[in-house]
Amino acid sequence: MPELKWKEAIVKVFEEEKKALHYIEIAEIIAEKKYRVSLGATPSDTVNANITTDINVNKHKSLFAMVDKGIYILRKFLNDEIQVIDSSATDIPLTEKPLNKDKLKIINAYGIYWNRYKVFWKTNPDLLGIQQVGAKEVNFKDQRGIYLLYDGREVIYAGQAIEQTLGERLKQHLTDRLSGRWDRFSWFGFY
């Protein structure tokens, strides 16, 4: 199957799921079902940007409708029980990050839906990532924050890495009661 364009992949996910979804979940399904192979560094932001741009440009004729912050649905699946947030007064921002309010941020770095099997789990494992294609690699192993472990696309565990680094904390889950249950993880760093 040839790779779908972002908007086509988003519509395909909604057509299959037939319910409202958060843009991060949409990105995860697109990756899981391989509707797109080239996802870029921040696929969830790309999904959010595609949907909000369509809503901002096409208003009430958009394919999509916003039902809550970050949660969308195909307009044709709307019913009386689902309230649509009216964005006609102001445009929906392309990102939910506050502009020029860095001191208000709690999460300052993150990695979404990383594959467990692409990490070399040595004593202090490297968590390498890039912000965009062509950017220099950054190692997040010493980051502190919170993380999620997934079995497929279902969250099976939410944890925190405050006393230890994210790299150390994630490595512990390779040998604990969750060891055989997770294949992906997301992390959200405070620094």
Protein backbone atom coordinates (compact mmCIF):
# COMPACT_ATOMS: atom_id res chain seq x y z
CA MET A 1 0.00 0.00 0.00
CA PRO A 2 1.48 3.40 -0.94
CA GLU A 3 2.05 5.91 1.84
CA LEU A 4 -0.98 8.13 2.48
CA LYS A 5 -0.81 11.89 2.78
CA TRP A 6 -1.26 13.12 6.35
CA LYS A 7 -4.86 14.28 5.87
CA GLU A 8 -5.80 11.01 4.13
CA ALA A 9 -4.25 8.99 6.96
CA ILE A 10 -6.11 11.03 9.59
CA VAL A 11 -9.44 10.55 7.81
CA LYS A 12 -8.75 6.81 7.43
CA VAL A 13 -8.16 6.49 11.20
CA PHE A 14 -11.43 8.30 11.97
CA GLU A 15 -13.31 6.17 9.41
CA GLU A 16 -12.07 2.99 11.12
CA GLU A 17 -12.47 4.12 14.75
CA LYS A 18 -15.79 6.01 14.25
CA LYS A 19 -15.33 8.05 17.44
CA ALA A 20 -13.66 11.17 18.80
CA LEU A 21 -9.89 10.80 19.31
CA HIS A 22 -7.04 12.83 20.76
CA TYR A 23 -4.50 13.90 18.14
CA ILE A 24 -1.73 11.94 19.92
CA GLU A 25 -3.81 8.76 19.67
CA ILE A 26 -4.43 9.45 15.96
CA ALA A 27 -0.66 9.74 15.38
CA GLU A 28 -0.07 6.49 17.26
CA ILE A 29 -2.63 4.62 15.14
CA ILE A 30 -1.15 6.04 11.92
CA ALA A 31 2.28 4.77 13.00
CA GLU A 32 0.97 1.41 14.21
CA LYS A 33 -0.98 0.67 11.03
CA LYS A 34 1.84 2.06 8.85
CA TYR A 35 -0.40 4.48 6.94
CA ARG A 36 2.72 6.66 6.86
CA VAL A 37 6.28 5.40 7.08
CA SER A 38 7.95 8.82 7.17
CA LEU A 39 6.51 10.29 10.36
CA GLY A 40 9.02 13.03 11.13
CA ALA A 41 10.17 13.98 14.63
CA THR A 42 6.77 15.03 16.01
CA PRO A 43 3.96 13.13 14.27
CA SER A 44 1.37 14.11 16.89
CA ASP A 45 2.08 17.81 16.27
CA THR A 46 1.75 17.22 12.53
CA VAL A 47 -1.65 15.55 13.04
CA ASN A 48 -2.78 18.43 15.26
CA ALA A 49 -1.58 21.02 12.73
CA ASN A 50 -3.35 19.28 9.82
CA ILE A 51 -6.66 19.06 11.68
CA THR A 52 -6.61 22.58 13.14
CA THR A 53 -5.56 24.12 9.82
CA ASP A 54 -8.49 22.39 8.09
CA ILE A 55 -10.87 23.67 10.79
CA ASN A 56 -9.44 27.22 10.69
CA VAL A 57 -9.57 27.45 6.89
CA ASN A 58 -12.86 25.66 6.20
CA LYS A 59 -14.75 26.57 9.42
CA HIS A 60 -18.08 24.69 9.49
CA LYS A 61 -17.34 22.97 6.18
CA SER A 62 -14.24 21.30 7.61
CA LEU A 63 -14.04 17.50 7.57
CA PHE A 64 -13.19 17.68 11.27
CA ALA A 65 -14.80 19.09 14.40
CA MET A 66 -13.20 19.84 17.75
CA VAL A 67 -15.08 18.28 20.68
CA ASP A 68 -12.61 19.10 23.47
CA LYS A 69 -9.06 20.41 23.85
CA GLY A 70 -6.97 18.24 21.51
CA ILE A 71 -9.88 15.88 20.77
CA TYR A 72 -11.45 15.76 17.32
CA ILE A 73 -13.99 13.80 15.32
CA LEU A 74 -15.03 13.56 11.69
CA ARG A 75 -17.89 16.04 11.29
CA LYS A 76 -20.07 13.36 9.66
CA PHE A 77 -19.93 11.31 12.90
CA LEU A 78 -21.28 14.13 15.04
CA ASN A 79 -24.51 13.50 16.88
CA ASP A 80 -26.63 15.39 19.39
CA GLU A 81 -24.70 13.95 22.35
CA ILE A 82 -21.34 15.37 21.22
CA GLN A 83 -20.83 19.10 21.76
CA VAL A 84 -18.65 20.89 19.22
CA ILE A 85 -16.38 23.67 20.41
CA ASP A 86 -17.12 26.70 18.24
CA SER A 87 -13.88 28.13 16.94
CA SER A 88 -15.46 30.82 14.77
CA ALA A 89 -14.63 33.61 17.24
CA THR A 90 -10.93 32.78 17.42
CA ASP A 91 -8.71 30.45 15.48
CA ILE A 92 -7.64 27.22 17.12
CA PRO A 93 -3.92 27.43 17.78
CA LEU A 94 -1.74 25.02 15.79
CA THR A 95 -0.08 23.95 19.00
CA GLU A 96 -1.25 23.82 22.58
CA LYS A 97 2.08 25.04 23.92
CA PRO A 98 1.92 28.55 25.46
CA LEU A 99 3.68 31.21 23.41
CA ASN A 100 6.50 33.12 25.16
CA LYS A 101 5.52 31.73 28.55
CA ASP A 102 8.47 29.38 29.12
CA LYS A 103 8.37 29.85 32.87
CA LEU A 104 4.81 28.45 32.92
CA LYS A 105 5.83 25.23 31.18
CA ILE A 106 5.95 22.03 33.17
CA ILE A 107 6.87 19.73 30.29
CA ASN A 108 9.88 21.08 28.41
CA ALA A 109 10.87 18.03 26.35
CA TYR A 110 9.09 14.86 25.32
CA GLY A 111 9.28 11.75 23.20
CA ILE A 112 6.09 10.09 22.01
CA TYR A 113 5.64 6.39 21.26
CA TRP A 114 9.30 5.34 21.17
CA ASN A 115 10.05 1.73 20.28
CA ARG A 116 11.55 -0.22 23.18
CA TYR A 117 13.52 -2.44 20.81
CA LYS A 118 15.39 0.47 19.23
CA VAL A 119 17.09 1.35 22.54
CA PHE A 120 20.39 -0.28 23.48
CA TRP A 121 19.67 -1.05 27.15
CA LYS A 122 23.13 -0.83 28.68
CA THR A 123 23.84 0.22 32.31
CA ASN A 124 22.76 3.81 31.67
CA PRO A 125 20.90 3.61 28.32
CA ASP A 126 21.05 6.40 25.78
CA LEU A 127 17.70 7.88 24.75
CA LEU A 128 18.61 9.61 21.51
CA GLY A 129 16.20 11.82 19.61
CA ILE A 130 16.10 14.71 17.17
CA GLN A 131 13.67 17.61 16.93
CA GLN A 132 13.42 17.49 13.16
CA VAL A 133 15.02 15.75 10.21
CA GLY A 134 18.61 16.88 9.81
CA ALA A 135 18.92 18.19 13.37
CA LYS A 136 21.70 17.08 15.72
CA GLU A 137 20.94 14.14 18.03
CA VAL A 138 20.17 14.91 21.65
CA ASN A 139 20.52 12.38 24.49
CA PHE A 140 17.61 12.49 26.95
CA LYS A 141 18.84 9.70 29.26
CA ASP A 142 19.42 12.11 32.18
CA GLN A 143 16.00 13.75 31.87
CA ARG A 144 13.62 13.66 34.85
CA GLY A 145 9.87 13.50 34.43
CA ILE A 146 7.01 11.12 33.82
CA TYR A 147 6.56 8.29 31.34
CA LEU A 148 4.00 5.87 29.92
CA LEU A 149 4.52 2.23 28.93
CA TYR A 150 2.39 0.80 26.11
CA ASP A 151 1.33 -2.67 25.05
CA GLY A 152 0.58 -1.99 21.40
CA ARG A 153 -1.23 1.32 21.69
CA GLU A 154 -2.78 0.77 25.13
CA VAL A 155 -1.20 2.42 28.15
CA ILE A 156 -0.37 -0.27 30.70
CA TYR A 157 1.66 1.79 33.17
CA ALA A 158 2.29 5.43 34.07
CA GLY A 159 5.36 6.20 36.14
CA GLN A 160 7.63 8.96 37.31
CA ALA A 161 11.38 9.40 37.20
CA ILE A 162 12.16 11.97 39.87
CA GLU A 163 14.78 10.36 42.12
CA GLN A 164 16.28 8.48 39.15
CA THR A 165 16.72 9.49 35.51
CA LEU A 166 14.28 8.41 32.82
CA GLY A 167 16.91 6.11 31.33
CA GLU A 168 17.50 4.33 34.64
CA ARG A 169 13.80 4.08 35.49
CA LEU A 170 12.81 2.70 32.07
CA LYS A 171 15.63 0.13 32.23
CA GLN A 172 14.20 -1.22 35.50
CA HIS A 173 11.01 -2.15 33.66
CA LEU A 174 12.99 -4.63 31.53
CA THR A 175 13.29 -6.97 34.51
CA ASP A 176 10.29 -6.19 36.72
CA ARG A 177 6.71 -7.52 36.57
CA LEU A 178 6.03 -5.43 33.43
CA SER A 179 9.07 -6.70 31.50
CA GLY A 180 7.25 -8.73 28.85
CA ARG A 181 4.18 -6.54 28.60
CA TRP A 182 5.41 -3.31 26.98
CA ASP A 183 6.87 -2.56 23.58
CA ARG A 184 6.69 1.25 23.37
CA PHE A 185 7.05 4.18 25.72
CA SER A 186 6.44 7.91 25.84
CA TRP A 187 8.27 10.29 28.14
CA PHE A 188 7.71 13.86 29.27
CA GLY A 189 10.68 15.72 30.75
CA PHE A 190 10.74 18.61 33.18
CA TYR A 191 14.12 19.96 31.99
